[in-house]
Amino acid sequence: MNPVARFSPLIALPPLAFGALAVLFLFGMQRDNPDELPSALVGREAPAVGATTLPGKTQLTDAMLREPGIKIVNFWASWCPPCRAEHPTLTELAKDIPVYGVDLKDPEANATAFLSEHGDPFRALATDPRGRIAIDWGVTAPPETFIIDGEGRILYRHVGPLIREDYTNRFLPELEKARAAQ
């Protein structure tokens, strides 16, 4: 019997699949910043922020996001260790620019205690107990920070805590670019 006659095309399938994946990975690594998660909302109007806040705090409203000037919206939670790490950075930023917060899936008492203990950098707050607002904004996990322009459009999305080189090399240049465009 001829050995060539018994060749099955299915034998070629694993090497072809491997080659296709290798090309896909190679293409993905050639992006400008392979660590950056693109946001479909950049350049679009910021989604709604909800209608609840923590006791004694100013309610964040959609109108506030459309006020003149650059502002920041930060999704955070008291149970989130990276949120705790970036909190001093938000406190410093709040001295120079409006910082708004959305407390994500956090028991009210825990969020209030966290802000009482560590300080409240937020000009206004919204709460998102079920994560619905986060879904509308495309938030994958806290912390995530958005730069918003004076018309309420999202200019930039930063995934992860605003700390160290990530803050100085990725977030600050985008903030400066947004300020220069205003």
C-alpha atoms as a PDB file:
ATOM      1  CA  MET A   1       0.000   0.000   0.000  1.00  0.00           C
ATOM      2  CA  ASN A   2       1.219   3.490  -0.841  1.00  0.00           C
ATOM      3  CA  PRO A   3       2.069   5.532   2.363  1.00  0.00           C
ATOM      4  CA  VAL A   4       1.116   8.803   0.655  1.00  0.00           C
ATOM      5  CA  ALA A   5      -2.412   7.571   0.060  1.00  0.00           C
ATOM      6  CA  ARG A   6      -3.006   7.298   3.840  1.00  0.00           C
ATOM      7  CA  PHE A   7      -2.115  10.972   4.577  1.00  0.00           C
ATOM      8  CA  SER A   8      -5.005  12.732   6.292  1.00  0.00           C
ATOM      9  CA  PRO A   9      -5.405  16.518   5.935  1.00  0.00           C
ATOM     10  CA  LEU A  10      -6.288  16.615   9.660  1.00  0.00           C
ATOM     11  CA  ILE A  11      -2.630  16.044  10.489  1.00  0.00           C
ATOM     12  CA  ALA A  12      -1.823  19.510   9.131  1.00  0.00           C
ATOM     13  CA  LEU A  13      -4.439  21.193  11.346  1.00  0.00           C
ATOM     14  CA  PRO A  14      -2.385  21.551  14.596  1.00  0.00           C
ATOM     15  CA  PRO A  15       0.673  23.150  12.905  1.00  0.00           C
ATOM     16  CA  LEU A  16      -1.585  25.503  10.929  1.00  0.00           C
ATOM     17  CA  ALA A  17      -3.481  26.511  14.091  1.00  0.00           C
ATOM     18  CA  PHE A  18      -0.199  27.112  15.913  1.00  0.00           C
ATOM     19  CA  GLY A  19       1.090  29.252  13.031  1.00  0.00           C
ATOM     20  CA  ALA A  20      -2.103  31.327  12.982  1.00  0.00           C
ATOM     21  CA  LEU A  21      -1.872  31.963  16.741  1.00  0.00           C
ATOM     22  CA  ALA A  22       1.810  32.892  16.454  1.00  0.00           C
ATOM     23  CA  VAL A  23       0.991  35.479  13.764  1.00  0.00           C
ATOM     24  CA  LEU A  24      -1.873  36.854  15.871  1.00  0.00           C
ATOM     25  CA  PHE A  25       0.355  37.209  18.956  1.00  0.00           C
ATOM     26  CA  LEU A  26       3.132  38.800  16.914  1.00  0.00           C
ATOM     27  CA  PHE A  27       0.665  41.328  15.488  1.00  0.00           C
ATOM     28  CA  GLY A  28      -0.658  42.112  18.994  1.00  0.00           C
ATOM     29  CA  MET A  29       2.836  42.751  20.336  1.00  0.00           C
ATOM     30  CA  GLN A  30       3.506  45.329  17.618  1.00  0.00           C
ATOM     31  CA  ARG A  31       0.838  47.754  18.910  1.00  0.00           C
ATOM     32  CA  ASP A  32       1.977  51.140  20.249  1.00  0.00           C
ATOM     33  CA  ASN A  33       1.325  50.122  23.854  1.00  0.00           C
ATOM     34  CA  PRO A  34       0.504  46.424  24.238  1.00  0.00           C
ATOM     35  CA  ASP A  35      -0.405  46.920  27.927  1.00  0.00           C
ATOM     36  CA  GLU A  36      -3.059  49.553  27.213  1.00  0.00           C
ATOM     37  CA  LEU A  37      -6.681  48.478  27.115  1.00  0.00           C
ATOM     38  CA  PRO A  38      -8.451  50.514  24.444  1.00  0.00           C
ATOM     39  CA  SER A  39     -11.750  52.121  25.347  1.00  0.00           C
ATOM     40  CA  ALA A  40     -14.585  52.414  22.882  1.00  0.00           C
ATOM     41  CA  LEU A  41     -15.747  55.474  24.838  1.00  0.00           C
ATOM     42  CA  VAL A  42     -12.726  57.709  24.182  1.00  0.00           C
ATOM     43  CA  GLY A  43     -13.980  60.701  22.215  1.00  0.00           C
ATOM     44  CA  ARG A  44     -17.588  60.046  23.192  1.00  0.00           C
ATOM     45  CA  GLU A  45     -19.816  61.604  25.824  1.00  0.00           C
ATOM     46  CA  ALA A  46     -19.376  60.152  29.297  1.00  0.00           C
ATOM     47  CA  PRO A  47     -22.184  57.771  30.321  1.00  0.00           C
ATOM     48  CA  ALA A  48     -24.558  58.566  33.181  1.00  0.00           C
ATOM     49  CA  VAL A  49     -23.174  58.389  36.728  1.00  0.00           C
ATOM     50  CA  GLY A  50     -26.284  57.365  38.659  1.00  0.00           C
ATOM     51  CA  ALA A  51     -28.279  59.076  41.358  1.00  0.00           C
ATOM     52  CA  THR A  52     -26.933  57.793  44.671  1.00  0.00           C
ATOM     53  CA  THR A  53     -24.077  58.920  46.910  1.00  0.00           C
ATOM     54  CA  LEU A  54     -22.688  58.321  50.380  1.00  0.00           C
ATOM     55  CA  PRO A  55     -24.328  60.054  53.375  1.00  0.00           C
ATOM     56  CA  GLY A  56     -23.121  63.620  53.793  1.00  0.00           C
ATOM     57  CA  LYS A  57     -21.374  63.703  50.396  1.00  0.00           C
ATOM     58  CA  THR A  58     -22.169  65.822  47.348  1.00  0.00           C
ATOM     59  CA  GLN A  59     -23.973  63.838  44.654  1.00  0.00           C
ATOM     60  CA  LEU A  60     -22.013  63.528  41.414  1.00  0.00           C
ATOM     61  CA  THR A  61     -24.263  64.508  38.500  1.00  0.00           C
ATOM     62  CA  ASP A  62     -24.015  64.253  34.745  1.00  0.00           C
ATOM     63  CA  ALA A  63     -24.141  68.067  34.594  1.00  0.00           C
ATOM     64  CA  MET A  64     -20.919  68.280  36.638  1.00  0.00           C
ATOM     65  CA  LEU A  65     -19.132  66.247  33.975  1.00  0.00           C
ATOM     66  CA  ARG A  66     -20.140  68.817  31.350  1.00  0.00           C
ATOM     67  CA  GLU A  67     -18.914  71.856  33.264  1.00  0.00           C
ATOM     68  CA  PRO A  68     -16.016  73.778  31.689  1.00  0.00           C
ATOM     69  CA  GLY A  69     -12.519  72.484  32.265  1.00  0.00           C
ATOM     70  CA  ILE A  70     -10.711  69.186  32.544  1.00  0.00           C
ATOM     71  CA  LYS A  71     -11.816  66.835  35.297  1.00  0.00           C
ATOM     72  CA  ILE A  72     -11.138  63.304  36.475  1.00  0.00           C
ATOM     73  CA  VAL A  73     -13.555  60.487  37.271  1.00  0.00           C
ATOM     74  CA  ASN A  74     -12.124  57.684  39.398  1.00  0.00           C
ATOM     75  CA  PHE A  75     -13.813  54.307  39.974  1.00  0.00           C
ATOM     76  CA  TRP A  76     -12.686  52.992  43.366  1.00  0.00           C
ATOM     77  CA  ALA A  77     -13.639  50.827  46.346  1.00  0.00           C
ATOM     78  CA  SER A  78     -12.495  50.558  49.944  1.00  0.00           C
ATOM     79  CA  TRP A  79     -11.910  46.793  49.514  1.00  0.00           C
ATOM     80  CA  CYS A  80      -9.534  47.374  46.587  1.00  0.00           C
ATOM     81  CA  PRO A  81      -5.800  47.361  47.594  1.00  0.00           C
ATOM     82  CA  PRO A  82      -4.647  49.241  44.431  1.00  0.00           C
ATOM     83  CA  CYS A  83      -7.290  51.904  45.178  1.00  0.00           C
ATOM     84  CA  ARG A  84      -5.766  52.361  48.606  1.00  0.00           C
ATOM     85  CA  ALA A  85      -2.305  52.665  47.029  1.00  0.00           C
ATOM     86  CA  GLU A  86      -3.402  55.407  44.618  1.00  0.00           C
ATOM     87  CA  HIS A  87      -5.420  57.383  47.202  1.00  0.00           C
ATOM     88  CA  PRO A  88      -2.549  59.792  48.080  1.00  0.00           C
ATOM     89  CA  THR A  89      -2.117  60.547  44.365  1.00  0.00           C
ATOM     90  CA  LEU A  90      -5.814  61.401  44.024  1.00  0.00           C
ATOM     91  CA  THR A  91      -5.542  63.630  47.090  1.00  0.00           C
ATOM     92  CA  GLU A  92      -2.677  65.552  45.457  1.00  0.00           C
ATOM     93  CA  LEU A  93      -4.468  65.780  42.101  1.00  0.00           C
ATOM     94  CA  ALA A  94      -7.576  67.159  43.826  1.00  0.00           C
ATOM     95  CA  LYS A  95      -5.594  70.238  44.883  1.00  0.00           C
ATOM     96  CA  ASP A  96      -5.228  71.185  41.217  1.00  0.00           C
ATOM     97  CA  ILE A  97      -8.129  69.633  39.296  1.00  0.00           C
ATOM     98  CA  PRO A  98     -11.690  68.456  40.067  1.00  0.00           C
ATOM     99  CA  VAL A  99     -11.633  64.778  41.005  1.00  0.00           C
ATOM    100  CA  TYR A 100     -14.947  62.937  41.075  1.00  0.00           C
ATOM    101  CA  GLY A 101     -15.423  59.434  42.419  1.00  0.00           C
ATOM    102  CA  VAL A 102     -17.650  56.465  41.754  1.00  0.00           C
ATOM    103  CA  ASP A 103     -17.640  54.018  44.673  1.00  0.00           C
ATOM    104  CA  LEU A 104     -17.980  50.554  43.152  1.00  0.00           C
ATOM    105  CA  LYS A 105     -19.716  47.602  44.847  1.00  0.00           C
ATOM    106  CA  ASP A 106     -18.782  48.830  48.280  1.00  0.00           C
ATOM    107  CA  PRO A 107     -20.802  48.617  51.502  1.00  0.00           C
ATOM    108  CA  GLU A 108     -21.753  52.166  52.452  1.00  0.00           C
ATOM    109  CA  ALA A 109     -20.244  51.929  55.947  1.00  0.00           C
ATOM    110  CA  ASN A 110     -16.895  50.679  54.599  1.00  0.00           C
ATOM    111  CA  ALA A 111     -16.646  53.430  51.976  1.00  0.00           C
ATOM    112  CA  THR A 112     -17.565  56.136  54.500  1.00  0.00           C
ATOM    113  CA  ALA A 113     -15.038  54.809  57.028  1.00  0.00           C
ATOM    114  CA  PHE A 114     -12.309  54.669  54.364  1.00  0.00           C
ATOM    115  CA  LEU A 115     -12.852  58.310  53.360  1.00  0.00           C
ATOM    116  CA  SER A 116     -13.008  59.405  57.003  1.00  0.00           C
ATOM    117  CA  GLU A 117      -9.732  57.657  57.787  1.00  0.00           C
ATOM    118  CA  HIS A 118      -7.740  58.491  54.637  1.00  0.00           C
ATOM    119  CA  GLY A 119      -9.325  61.777  53.545  1.00  0.00           C
ATOM    120  CA  ASP A 120     -11.824  62.551  50.823  1.00  0.00           C
ATOM    121  CA  PRO A 121     -10.271  63.850  47.595  1.00  0.00           C
ATOM    122  CA  PHE A 122     -13.580  63.758  45.711  1.00  0.00           C
ATOM    123  CA  ARG A 123     -15.448  66.958  44.879  1.00  0.00           C
ATOM    124  CA  ALA A 124     -18.577  64.808  44.420  1.00  0.00           C
ATOM    125  CA  LEU A 125     -19.390  61.103  44.576  1.00  0.00           C
ATOM    126  CA  ALA A 126     -21.708  58.555  43.053  1.00  0.00           C
ATOM    127  CA  THR A 127     -22.194  55.038  44.333  1.00  0.00           C
ATOM    128  CA  ASP A 128     -22.522  51.971  42.150  1.00  0.00           C
ATOM    129  CA  PRO A 129     -23.606  49.171  44.498  1.00  0.00           C
ATOM    130  CA  ARG A 130     -24.428  46.684  41.721  1.00  0.00           C
ATOM    131  CA  GLY A 131     -21.770  47.663  39.179  1.00  0.00           C
ATOM    132  CA  ARG A 132     -24.202  48.921  36.525  1.00  0.00           C
ATOM    133  CA  ILE A 133     -22.519  52.303  36.077  1.00  0.00           C
ATOM    134  CA  ALA A 134     -19.134  50.587  35.764  1.00  0.00           C
ATOM    135  CA  ILE A 135     -20.482  48.399  32.963  1.00  0.00           C
ATOM    136  CA  ASP A 136     -21.737  51.466  31.070  1.00  0.00           C
ATOM    137  CA  TRP A 137     -18.300  53.071  31.420  1.00  0.00           C
ATOM    138  CA  GLY A 138     -16.493  49.884  30.356  1.00  0.00           C
ATOM    139  CA  VAL A 139     -14.739  49.508  33.720  1.00  0.00           C
ATOM    140  CA  THR A 140     -13.213  46.059  34.138  1.00  0.00           C
ATOM    141  CA  ALA A 141     -12.065  46.409  37.771  1.00  0.00           C
ATOM    142  CA  PRO A 142     -11.172  49.261  40.095  1.00  0.00           C
ATOM    143  CA  PRO A 143      -9.264  51.433  40.064  1.00  0.00           C
ATOM    144  CA  GLU A 144      -9.899  53.006  36.688  1.00  0.00           C
ATOM    145  CA  THR A 145      -9.555  56.711  36.026  1.00  0.00           C
ATOM    146  CA  PHE A 146     -10.983  58.787  33.184  1.00  0.00           C
ATOM    147  CA  ILE A 147      -9.962  62.243  31.976  1.00  0.00           C
ATOM    148  CA  ILE A 148     -13.058  64.203  30.900  1.00  0.00           C
ATOM    149  CA  ASP A 149     -13.091  67.435  28.883  1.00  0.00           C
ATOM    150  CA  GLY A 150     -15.273  70.521  29.399  1.00  0.00           C
ATOM    151  CA  GLU A 151     -18.018  69.104  27.206  1.00  0.00           C
ATOM    152  CA  GLY A 152     -18.281  65.820  29.075  1.00  0.00           C
ATOM    153  CA  ARG A 153     -16.333  63.741  26.562  1.00  0.00           C
ATOM    154  CA  ILE A 154     -13.930  61.024  27.656  1.00  0.00           C
ATOM    155  CA  LEU A 155     -10.406  61.885  26.552  1.00  0.00           C
ATOM    156  CA  TYR A 156      -8.457  59.066  28.198  1.00  0.00           C
ATOM    157  CA  ARG A 157      -8.975  55.897  30.235  1.00  0.00           C
ATOM    158  CA  HIS A 158      -6.314  54.720  32.674  1.00  0.00           C
ATOM    159  CA  VAL A 159      -6.596  51.151  33.945  1.00  0.00           C
ATOM    160  CA  GLY A 160      -4.897  50.442  37.252  1.00  0.00           C
ATOM    161  CA  PRO A 161      -3.647  52.560  40.124  1.00  0.00           C
ATOM    162  CA  LEU A 162      -2.208  56.031  39.603  1.00  0.00           C
ATOM    163  CA  ILE A 163       1.175  55.278  41.156  1.00  0.00           C
ATOM    164  CA  ARG A 164       4.896  55.419  40.339  1.00  0.00           C
ATOM    165  CA  GLU A 165       6.036  55.196  36.711  1.00  0.00           C
ATOM    166  CA  ASP A 166       2.586  54.262  35.475  1.00  0.00           C
ATOM    167  CA  TYR A 167       1.303  57.583  36.803  1.00  0.00           C
ATOM    168  CA  THR A 168       4.209  59.713  35.607  1.00  0.00           C
ATOM    169  CA  ASN A 169       4.799  58.005  32.241  1.00  0.00           C
ATOM    170  CA  ARG A 170       1.251  57.216  31.131  1.00  0.00           C
ATOM    171  CA  PHE A 171      -1.349  59.260  33.018  1.00  0.00           C
ATOM    172  CA  LEU A 172       0.365  62.645  33.498  1.00  0.00           C
ATOM    173  CA  PRO A 173       1.280  63.078  29.800  1.00  0.00           C
ATOM    174  CA  GLU A 174      -2.358  62.459  28.864  1.00  0.00           C
ATOM    175  CA  LEU A 175      -3.531  64.921  31.509  1.00  0.00           C
ATOM    176  CA  GLU A 176      -1.107  67.568  30.249  1.00  0.00           C
ATOM    177  CA  LYS A 177      -2.221  66.943  26.660  1.00  0.00           C
ATOM    178  CA  ALA A 178      -5.858  67.405  27.729  1.00  0.00           C
ATOM    179  CA  ARG A 179      -5.037  70.621  29.577  1.00  0.00           C
ATOM    180  CA  ALA A 180      -3.137  72.016  26.584  1.00  0.00           C
ATOM    181  CA  ALA A 181      -6.107  71.354  24.295  1.00  0.00           C
ATOM    182  CA  GLN A 182      -8.535  73.300  26.503  1.00  0.00           C
END
